[in-house]
Amino acid sequence: MNYWLIKSEASCYSIDDLKRDKKTAWSGIRNYQARNFMRDDMRLGDQVLFYHSNGTPEIPSGIYGIAKVVSKPHRDETQFDTKDEHFDPKASETNPIWACVDVGFVRKFKQPIPLTELKRDSKLKGLAVLERGSRLSVTPVSEEHFLRIVTELIQ
């Protein structure tokens, strides 16, 4: 099994949206490395930390819950939709560029783990979301980091 962290702004798509929807295509990702993680490395059943980015005082940046990969990689349909903000004119039905996976809701934490707390934890050194300049919306997480977060840091 692999472990991942996915990022979304709460105002765009939140853990509560995923809880309501039960599953969603993690579409609209327009970074090749993040696409490659989803296309080449994510597997059914992989566990995913759900992170809210670009926090506000009401909803600070941090990890809000757990999801899981519930589909094999498939083409991201938003690349073909001219009305979607993620439309890519270089993509075609015969040559799709972008891929995604579906993620399903597992649980929301009673209290989120704010970015400030994650940064203070020396056992999380190397967690990609804590690295300066890390902007990828899909990143791998080591098993050690995943277990530290879900067994020791959540309340």
N, C-alpha and C. Protein backbone atom coordinates (compact mmCIF):
# COMPACT_ATOMS: atom_id res chain seq x y z
N MET A 1 0.83 -1.18 0.00
CA MET A 1 0.00 0.00 0.00
C MET A 1 0.87 1.24 0.00
N ASN A 2 0.39 2.26 -0.70
CA ASN A 2 1.06 3.56 -0.72
C ASN A 2 0.24 4.56 0.07
N TYR A 3 0.87 5.65 0.45
CA TYR A 3 0.23 6.72 1.21
C TYR A 3 0.48 8.03 0.50
N TRP A 4 -0.53 8.91 0.56
CA TRP A 4 -0.49 10.15 -0.20
C TRP A 4 -1.05 11.30 0.62
N LEU A 5 -0.75 12.50 0.16
CA LEU A 5 -1.40 13.70 0.66
C LEU A 5 -1.93 14.44 -0.56
N ILE A 6 -3.23 14.80 -0.50
CA ILE A 6 -3.82 15.62 -1.56
C ILE A 6 -4.23 16.95 -0.95
N LYS A 7 -4.06 18.01 -1.73
CA LYS A 7 -4.37 19.35 -1.24
C LYS A 7 -5.52 19.94 -2.04
N SER A 8 -6.37 20.66 -1.32
CA SER A 8 -7.45 21.41 -1.94
C SER A 8 -7.77 22.59 -1.05
N GLU A 9 -8.09 23.72 -1.66
CA GLU A 9 -8.57 24.84 -0.87
C GLU A 9 -9.96 24.50 -0.38
N ALA A 10 -10.24 24.78 0.88
CA ALA A 10 -11.54 24.46 1.46
C ALA A 10 -12.67 25.14 0.70
N SER A 11 -12.42 26.32 0.15
CA SER A 11 -13.45 27.04 -0.60
C SER A 11 -13.70 26.41 -1.97
N CYS A 12 -12.78 25.59 -2.43
CA CYS A 12 -12.91 24.93 -3.73
C CYS A 12 -13.56 23.55 -3.58
N TYR A 13 -12.96 22.70 -2.76
CA TYR A 13 -13.50 21.37 -2.47
C TYR A 13 -12.95 20.93 -1.12
N SER A 14 -13.82 20.79 -0.15
CA SER A 14 -13.40 20.53 1.23
C SER A 14 -13.62 19.07 1.61
N ILE A 15 -13.09 18.71 2.77
CA ILE A 15 -13.33 17.38 3.32
C ILE A 15 -14.82 17.17 3.54
N ASP A 16 -15.55 18.23 3.89
CA ASP A 16 -17.00 18.11 4.06
C ASP A 16 -17.70 17.83 2.73
N ASP A 17 -17.18 18.41 1.64
CA ASP A 17 -17.72 18.11 0.31
C ASP A 17 -17.51 16.64 -0.01
N LEU A 18 -16.31 16.14 0.28
CA LEU A 18 -16.03 14.73 0.01
C LEU A 18 -16.91 13.83 0.88
N LYS A 19 -17.12 14.22 2.13
CA LYS A 19 -17.99 13.44 3.01
C LYS A 19 -19.40 13.37 2.43
N ARG A 20 -19.89 14.50 1.95
CA ARG A 20 -21.22 14.55 1.35
C ARG A 20 -21.31 13.72 0.08
N ASP A 21 -20.28 13.87 -0.79
CA ASP A 21 -20.30 13.20 -2.10
C ASP A 21 -19.90 11.72 -2.01
N LYS A 22 -19.23 11.34 -0.95
CA LYS A 22 -18.72 9.99 -0.72
C LYS A 22 -17.50 9.65 -1.59
N LYS A 23 -17.48 10.12 -2.85
CA LYS A 23 -16.29 9.96 -3.69
C LYS A 23 -16.32 11.03 -4.77
N THR A 24 -15.13 11.31 -5.31
CA THR A 24 -15.01 12.29 -6.39
C THR A 24 -13.78 11.99 -7.22
N ALA A 25 -13.83 12.40 -8.47
CA ALA A 25 -12.64 12.34 -9.32
C ALA A 25 -11.71 13.47 -8.87
N TRP A 26 -10.45 13.16 -8.62
CA TRP A 26 -9.48 14.18 -8.22
C TRP A 26 -8.95 14.83 -9.49
N SER A 27 -9.83 15.59 -10.12
CA SER A 27 -9.56 16.15 -11.45
C SER A 27 -9.06 17.57 -11.36
N GLY A 28 -8.65 18.09 -12.50
CA GLY A 28 -8.20 19.47 -12.58
C GLY A 28 -6.75 19.67 -12.20
N ILE A 29 -6.03 18.62 -11.95
CA ILE A 29 -4.60 18.73 -11.60
C ILE A 29 -3.83 18.99 -12.88
N ARG A 30 -3.10 20.10 -12.92
CA ARG A 30 -2.37 20.47 -14.14
C ARG A 30 -0.89 20.64 -13.88
N ASN A 31 -0.34 19.67 -13.19
CA ASN A 31 1.09 19.58 -12.96
C ASN A 31 1.50 18.17 -13.37
N TYR A 32 2.53 18.06 -14.20
CA TYR A 32 2.91 16.75 -14.73
C TYR A 32 3.36 15.77 -13.66
N GLN A 33 4.10 16.25 -12.66
CA GLN A 33 4.56 15.34 -11.62
C GLN A 33 3.38 14.81 -10.80
N ALA A 34 2.45 15.69 -10.44
CA ALA A 34 1.26 15.25 -9.70
C ALA A 34 0.44 14.29 -10.55
N ARG A 35 0.30 14.60 -11.85
CA ARG A 35 -0.42 13.70 -12.75
C ARG A 35 0.25 12.33 -12.79
N ASN A 36 1.57 12.32 -12.87
CA ASN A 36 2.30 11.05 -12.93
C ASN A 36 2.12 10.23 -11.66
N PHE A 37 2.08 10.90 -10.51
CA PHE A 37 1.81 10.16 -9.27
C PHE A 37 0.47 9.46 -9.36
N MET A 38 -0.56 10.19 -9.82
CA MET A 38 -1.89 9.58 -9.91
C MET A 38 -1.92 8.49 -10.98
N ARG A 39 -1.36 8.77 -12.12
CA ARG A 39 -1.43 7.85 -13.26
C ARG A 39 -0.58 6.60 -13.05
N ASP A 40 0.62 6.78 -12.50
CA ASP A 40 1.60 5.69 -12.48
C ASP A 40 1.74 4.99 -11.13
N ASP A 41 1.42 5.68 -10.04
CA ASP A 41 1.78 5.15 -8.73
C ASP A 41 0.60 4.89 -7.78
N MET A 42 -0.48 5.61 -7.94
CA MET A 42 -1.62 5.40 -7.04
C MET A 42 -2.32 4.09 -7.37
N ARG A 43 -2.71 3.37 -6.32
CA ARG A 43 -3.37 2.07 -6.47
C ARG A 43 -4.66 2.04 -5.66
N LEU A 44 -5.58 1.20 -6.08
CA LEU A 44 -6.82 1.02 -5.34
C LEU A 44 -6.51 0.72 -3.88
N GLY A 45 -7.18 1.41 -2.98
CA GLY A 45 -6.99 1.17 -1.55
C GLY A 45 -5.91 1.99 -0.89
N ASP A 46 -5.08 2.68 -1.68
CA ASP A 46 -4.07 3.55 -1.07
C ASP A 46 -4.75 4.56 -0.15
N GLN A 47 -4.11 4.84 0.98
CA GLN A 47 -4.65 5.79 1.96
C GLN A 47 -4.15 7.21 1.63
N VAL A 48 -5.02 8.18 1.88
CA VAL A 48 -4.76 9.56 1.46
C VAL A 48 -5.08 10.52 2.60
N LEU A 49 -4.14 11.40 2.92
CA LEU A 49 -4.40 12.48 3.87
C LEU A 49 -5.02 13.63 3.09
N PHE A 50 -6.11 14.20 3.61
CA PHE A 50 -6.81 15.29 2.94
C PHE A 50 -6.40 16.60 3.61
N TYR A 51 -5.73 17.47 2.84
CA TYR A 51 -5.12 18.69 3.36
C TYR A 51 -5.82 19.91 2.77
N HIS A 52 -6.21 20.85 3.63
CA HIS A 52 -6.76 22.12 3.16
C HIS A 52 -5.61 23.12 3.07
N SER A 53 -5.42 23.68 1.88
CA SER A 53 -4.35 24.65 1.66
C SER A 53 -4.91 26.08 1.65
N ASN A 54 -4.01 27.04 1.60
CA ASN A 54 -4.36 28.47 1.57
C ASN A 54 -5.37 28.80 2.67
N GLY A 55 -4.99 28.46 3.89
CA GLY A 55 -5.88 28.61 5.02
C GLY A 55 -6.28 30.04 5.35
N THR A 56 -7.33 30.11 6.12
CA THR A 56 -7.84 31.37 6.66
C THR A 56 -7.90 31.21 8.18
N PRO A 57 -8.15 32.28 8.91
CA PRO A 57 -8.29 32.11 10.37
C PRO A 57 -9.41 31.13 10.73
N GLU A 58 -10.48 31.11 9.94
CA GLU A 58 -11.59 30.19 10.23
C GLU A 58 -11.25 28.75 9.85
N ILE A 59 -10.52 28.59 8.75
CA ILE A 59 -10.14 27.25 8.26
C ILE A 59 -8.64 27.27 7.97
N PRO A 60 -7.83 27.04 9.00
CA PRO A 60 -6.37 27.10 8.79
C PRO A 60 -5.87 25.94 7.93
N SER A 61 -4.76 26.16 7.27
CA SER A 61 -4.13 25.09 6.50
C SER A 61 -3.80 23.93 7.42
N GLY A 62 -4.04 22.71 6.93
CA GLY A 62 -3.73 21.54 7.73
C GLY A 62 -4.41 20.30 7.20
N ILE A 63 -4.21 19.20 7.90
CA ILE A 63 -4.79 17.91 7.52
C ILE A 63 -6.13 17.76 8.23
N TYR A 64 -7.15 17.49 7.44
CA TYR A 64 -8.52 17.46 7.96
C TYR A 64 -9.14 16.08 8.02
N GLY A 65 -8.51 15.11 7.37
CA GLY A 65 -9.09 13.78 7.42
C GLY A 65 -8.38 12.81 6.51
N ILE A 66 -9.04 11.68 6.29
CA ILE A 66 -8.47 10.59 5.50
C ILE A 66 -9.45 10.22 4.39
N ALA A 67 -8.88 9.97 3.23
CA ALA A 67 -9.62 9.45 2.08
C ALA A 67 -8.88 8.21 1.61
N LYS A 68 -9.37 7.59 0.55
CA LYS A 68 -8.65 6.46 -0.04
C LYS A 68 -8.89 6.48 -1.55
N VAL A 69 -7.97 5.87 -2.26
CA VAL A 69 -8.08 5.76 -3.71
C VAL A 69 -9.11 4.68 -4.00
N VAL A 70 -10.16 5.03 -4.78
CA VAL A 70 -11.25 4.08 -5.03
C VAL A 70 -11.43 3.77 -6.51
N SER A 71 -10.47 4.19 -7.34
CA SER A 71 -10.53 3.83 -8.76
C SER A 71 -9.12 3.66 -9.30
N LYS A 72 -9.05 3.00 -10.43
CA LYS A 72 -7.80 3.00 -11.17
C LYS A 72 -7.67 4.36 -11.85
N PRO A 73 -6.46 4.71 -12.25
CA PRO A 73 -6.30 5.98 -12.97
C PRO A 73 -7.15 5.98 -14.25
N HIS A 74 -7.69 7.15 -14.55
CA HIS A 74 -8.48 7.32 -15.77
C HIS A 74 -8.28 8.74 -16.29
N ARG A 75 -8.70 8.98 -17.50
CA ARG A 75 -8.48 10.31 -18.05
C ARG A 75 -9.33 11.33 -17.32
N ASP A 76 -8.79 12.51 -17.19
CA ASP A 76 -9.45 13.62 -16.53
C ASP A 76 -10.35 14.31 -17.56
N GLU A 77 -11.64 14.15 -17.39
CA GLU A 77 -12.60 14.68 -18.37
C GLU A 77 -12.61 16.20 -18.44
N THR A 78 -12.16 16.89 -17.39
CA THR A 78 -12.19 18.36 -17.41
C THR A 78 -11.28 18.93 -18.49
N GLN A 79 -10.30 18.16 -18.94
CA GLN A 79 -9.38 18.67 -19.98
C GLN A 79 -10.10 18.92 -21.30
N PHE A 80 -11.25 18.29 -21.52
CA PHE A 80 -11.99 18.42 -22.78
C PHE A 80 -13.14 19.42 -22.71
N ASP A 81 -13.47 19.88 -21.52
CA ASP A 81 -14.64 20.73 -21.32
C ASP A 81 -14.26 22.20 -21.48
N THR A 82 -14.68 22.79 -22.59
CA THR A 82 -14.32 24.19 -22.88
C THR A 82 -14.86 25.18 -21.86
N LYS A 83 -15.87 24.78 -21.11
CA LYS A 83 -16.44 25.67 -20.09
C LYS A 83 -15.78 25.49 -18.72
N ASP A 84 -14.93 24.50 -18.59
CA ASP A 84 -14.27 24.22 -17.31
C ASP A 84 -12.95 25.00 -17.23
N GLU A 85 -12.64 25.50 -16.04
CA GLU A 85 -11.39 26.26 -15.87
C GLU A 85 -10.15 25.41 -16.12
N HIS A 86 -10.30 24.09 -16.12
CA HIS A 86 -9.17 23.19 -16.34
C HIS A 86 -9.09 22.68 -17.78
N PHE A 87 -9.87 23.26 -18.67
CA PHE A 87 -9.81 22.90 -20.09
C PHE A 87 -8.39 23.06 -20.61
N ASP A 88 -7.95 22.10 -21.41
CA ASP A 88 -6.62 22.17 -22.01
C ASP A 88 -6.77 22.02 -23.53
N PRO A 89 -6.55 23.09 -24.27
CA PRO A 89 -6.73 23.02 -25.72
C PRO A 89 -5.74 22.08 -26.42
N LYS A 90 -4.66 21.70 -25.74
CA LYS A 90 -3.70 20.77 -26.34
C LYS A 90 -4.14 19.31 -26.22
N ALA A 91 -5.11 19.05 -25.34
CA ALA A 91 -5.60 17.68 -25.14
C ALA A 91 -6.64 17.35 -26.19
N SER A 92 -6.67 16.08 -26.57
CA SER A 92 -7.69 15.63 -27.51
C SER A 92 -8.21 14.27 -27.05
N GLU A 93 -9.36 13.90 -27.57
CA GLU A 93 -9.94 12.60 -27.24
C GLU A 93 -8.98 11.46 -27.60
N THR A 94 -8.25 11.62 -28.68
CA THR A 94 -7.31 10.57 -29.09
C THR A 94 -5.96 10.68 -28.41
N ASN A 95 -5.68 11.85 -27.82
CA ASN A 95 -4.41 12.06 -27.14
C ASN A 95 -4.64 12.83 -25.84
N PRO A 96 -5.30 12.20 -24.85
CA PRO A 96 -5.51 12.90 -23.58
C PRO A 96 -4.18 13.13 -22.88
N ILE A 97 -4.09 14.25 -22.19
CA ILE A 97 -2.85 14.61 -21.49
C ILE A 97 -2.96 14.33 -20.00
N TRP A 98 -4.14 14.58 -19.44
CA TRP A 98 -4.29 14.59 -18.00
C TRP A 98 -5.07 13.37 -17.50
N ALA A 99 -4.61 12.85 -16.36
CA ALA A 99 -5.23 11.68 -15.73
C ALA A 99 -5.59 12.02 -14.29
N CYS A 100 -6.46 11.22 -13.72
CA CYS A 100 -6.83 11.39 -12.32
C CYS A 100 -7.26 10.05 -11.74
N VAL A 101 -7.50 10.03 -10.46
CA VAL A 101 -8.10 8.88 -9.78
C VAL A 101 -9.31 9.39 -9.03
N ASP A 102 -10.18 8.48 -8.64
CA ASP A 102 -11.28 8.83 -7.76
C ASP A 102 -10.84 8.58 -6.33
N VAL A 103 -11.20 9.50 -5.44
CA VAL A 103 -10.92 9.31 -4.02
C VAL A 103 -12.25 9.23 -3.28
N GLY A 104 -12.27 8.39 -2.25
CA GLY A 104 -13.47 8.20 -1.44
C GLY A 104 -13.24 8.65 -0.02
N PHE A 105 -14.30 9.11 0.60
CA PHE A 105 -14.24 9.57 1.98
C PHE A 105 -14.01 8.39 2.93
N VAL A 106 -13.12 8.57 3.90
CA VAL A 106 -12.92 7.59 4.98
C VAL A 106 -13.36 8.20 6.30
N ARG A 107 -12.75 9.32 6.68
CA ARG A 107 -13.17 9.99 7.92
C ARG A 107 -12.62 11.39 8.00
N LYS A 108 -13.34 12.19 8.74
CA LYS A 108 -12.91 13.56 9.05
C LYS A 108 -12.41 13.55 10.48
N PHE A 109 -11.29 14.23 10.73
CA PHE A 109 -10.77 14.31 12.08
C PHE A 109 -11.66 15.23 12.93
N LYS A 110 -11.77 14.92 14.22
CA LYS A 110 -12.54 15.79 15.13
C LYS A 110 -11.94 17.18 15.15
N GLN A 111 -10.63 17.23 15.15
CA GLN A 111 -9.89 18.49 15.08
C GLN A 111 -8.85 18.36 13.98
N PRO A 112 -8.74 19.35 13.10
CA PRO A 112 -7.69 19.27 12.08
C PRO A 112 -6.31 19.37 12.72
N ILE A 113 -5.32 18.91 11.99
CA ILE A 113 -3.93 19.06 12.43
C ILE A 113 -3.36 20.23 11.64
N PRO A 114 -3.25 21.40 12.28
CA PRO A 114 -2.80 22.59 11.55
C PRO A 114 -1.36 22.48 11.07
N LEU A 115 -1.08 23.19 10.01
CA LEU A 115 0.27 23.23 9.44
C LEU A 115 1.29 23.61 10.51
N THR A 116 0.95 24.54 11.37
CA THR A 116 1.90 24.96 12.42
C THR A 116 2.29 23.79 13.31
N GLU A 117 1.32 22.93 13.63
CA GLU A 117 1.62 21.75 14.46
C GLU A 117 2.46 20.74 13.69
N LEU A 118 2.14 20.55 12.42
CA LEU A 118 2.93 19.62 11.60
C LEU A 118 4.38 20.07 11.53
N LYS A 119 4.60 21.37 11.38
CA LYS A 119 5.96 21.91 11.28
C LYS A 119 6.75 21.74 12.57
N ARG A 120 6.05 21.75 13.70
CA ARG A 120 6.74 21.62 15.00
C ARG A 120 7.18 20.20 15.30
N ASP A 121 6.61 19.23 14.61
CA ASP A 121 6.87 17.82 14.90
C ASP A 121 8.14 17.35 14.18
N SER A 122 9.20 17.14 14.92
CA SER A 122 10.48 16.74 14.31
C SER A 122 10.39 15.37 13.63
N LYS A 123 9.44 14.53 14.04
CA LYS A 123 9.29 13.21 13.42
C LYS A 123 8.67 13.28 12.03
N LEU A 124 8.23 14.46 11.62
CA LEU A 124 7.65 14.63 10.28
C LEU A 124 8.63 15.28 9.30
N LYS A 125 9.89 15.37 9.71
CA LYS A 125 10.90 15.94 8.82
C LYS A 125 10.91 15.15 7.51
N GLY A 126 10.87 15.87 6.41
CA GLY A 126 10.85 15.23 5.09
C GLY A 126 9.46 15.10 4.48
N LEU A 127 8.41 15.38 5.26
CA LEU A 127 7.05 15.37 4.72
C LEU A 127 6.96 16.49 3.68
N ALA A 128 6.61 16.14 2.45
CA ALA A 128 6.69 17.08 1.33
C ALA A 128 5.93 18.38 1.56
N VAL A 129 4.76 18.30 2.18
CA VAL A 129 3.95 19.51 2.37
C VAL A 129 4.65 20.53 3.27
N LEU A 130 5.65 20.07 4.04
CA LEU A 130 6.38 20.96 4.94
C LEU A 130 7.62 21.57 4.29
N GLU A 131 7.98 21.08 3.11
CA GLU A 131 9.18 21.58 2.44
C GLU A 131 8.92 22.95 1.83
N ARG A 132 9.87 23.81 1.97
CA ARG A 132 9.77 25.17 1.40
C ARG A 132 9.58 25.07 -0.11
N GLY A 133 8.59 25.78 -0.61
CA GLY A 133 8.34 25.81 -2.05
C GLY A 133 7.55 24.62 -2.58
N SER A 134 7.14 23.71 -1.71
CA SER A 134 6.37 22.55 -2.15
C SER A 134 4.95 22.99 -2.49
N ARG A 135 4.60 22.89 -3.77
CA ARG A 135 3.29 23.36 -4.19
C ARG A 135 2.46 22.25 -4.85
N LEU A 136 3.01 21.04 -4.93
CA LEU A 136 2.26 19.97 -5.58
C LEU A 136 0.99 19.64 -4.80
N SER A 137 -0.08 19.37 -5.54
CA SER A 137 -1.35 19.06 -4.90
C SER A 137 -1.52 17.57 -4.64
N VAL A 138 -0.59 16.76 -5.11
CA VAL A 138 -0.57 15.32 -4.84
C VAL A 138 0.88 14.95 -4.54
N THR A 139 1.12 14.43 -3.32
CA THR A 139 2.48 14.05 -2.96
C THR A 139 2.48 12.72 -2.21
N PRO A 140 3.53 11.94 -2.41
CA PRO A 140 3.65 10.70 -1.62
C PRO A 140 3.96 11.02 -0.16
N VAL A 141 3.55 10.12 0.71
CA VAL A 141 3.80 10.22 2.15
C VAL A 141 4.37 8.88 2.58
N SER A 142 5.41 8.91 3.39
CA SER A 142 5.97 7.64 3.88
C SER A 142 4.98 6.99 4.85
N GLU A 143 5.11 5.68 4.98
CA GLU A 143 4.26 4.96 5.93
C GLU A 143 4.48 5.48 7.34
N GLU A 144 5.74 5.77 7.70
CA GLU A 144 6.06 6.28 9.03
C GLU A 144 5.35 7.61 9.30
N HIS A 145 5.40 8.51 8.31
CA HIS A 145 4.74 9.80 8.48
C HIS A 145 3.22 9.63 8.57
N PHE A 146 2.67 8.79 7.70
CA PHE A 146 1.22 8.55 7.72
C PHE A 146 0.79 8.02 9.08
N LEU A 147 1.48 7.00 9.58
CA LEU A 147 1.12 6.41 10.87
C LEU A 147 1.30 7.41 12.02
N ARG A 148 2.33 8.21 11.96
CA ARG A 148 2.55 9.24 13.00
C ARG A 148 1.33 10.17 13.03
N ILE A 149 0.89 10.60 11.88
CA ILE A 149 -0.22 11.54 11.80
C ILE A 149 -1.53 10.92 12.27
N VAL A 150 -1.84 9.73 11.78
CA VAL A 150 -3.17 9.17 12.06
C VAL A 150 -3.26 8.42 13.39
N THR A 151 -2.13 8.07 13.99
CA THR A 151 -2.21 7.36 15.27
C THR A 151 -1.75 8.19 16.46
N GLU A 152 -0.92 9.20 16.21
CA GLU A 152 -0.37 9.95 17.34
C GLU A 152 -0.78 11.42 17.38
N LEU A 153 -1.08 12.00 16.23
CA LEU A 153 -1.36 13.44 16.23
C LEU A 153 -2.85 13.78 16.23
N ILE A 154 -3.70 12.86 15.79
CA ILE A 154 -5.13 13.18 15.79
C ILE A 154 -5.70 13.02 17.19
N GLN A 155 -6.77 13.77 17.44
CA GLN A 155 -7.38 13.73 18.77
C GLN A 155 -8.72 13.04 18.72
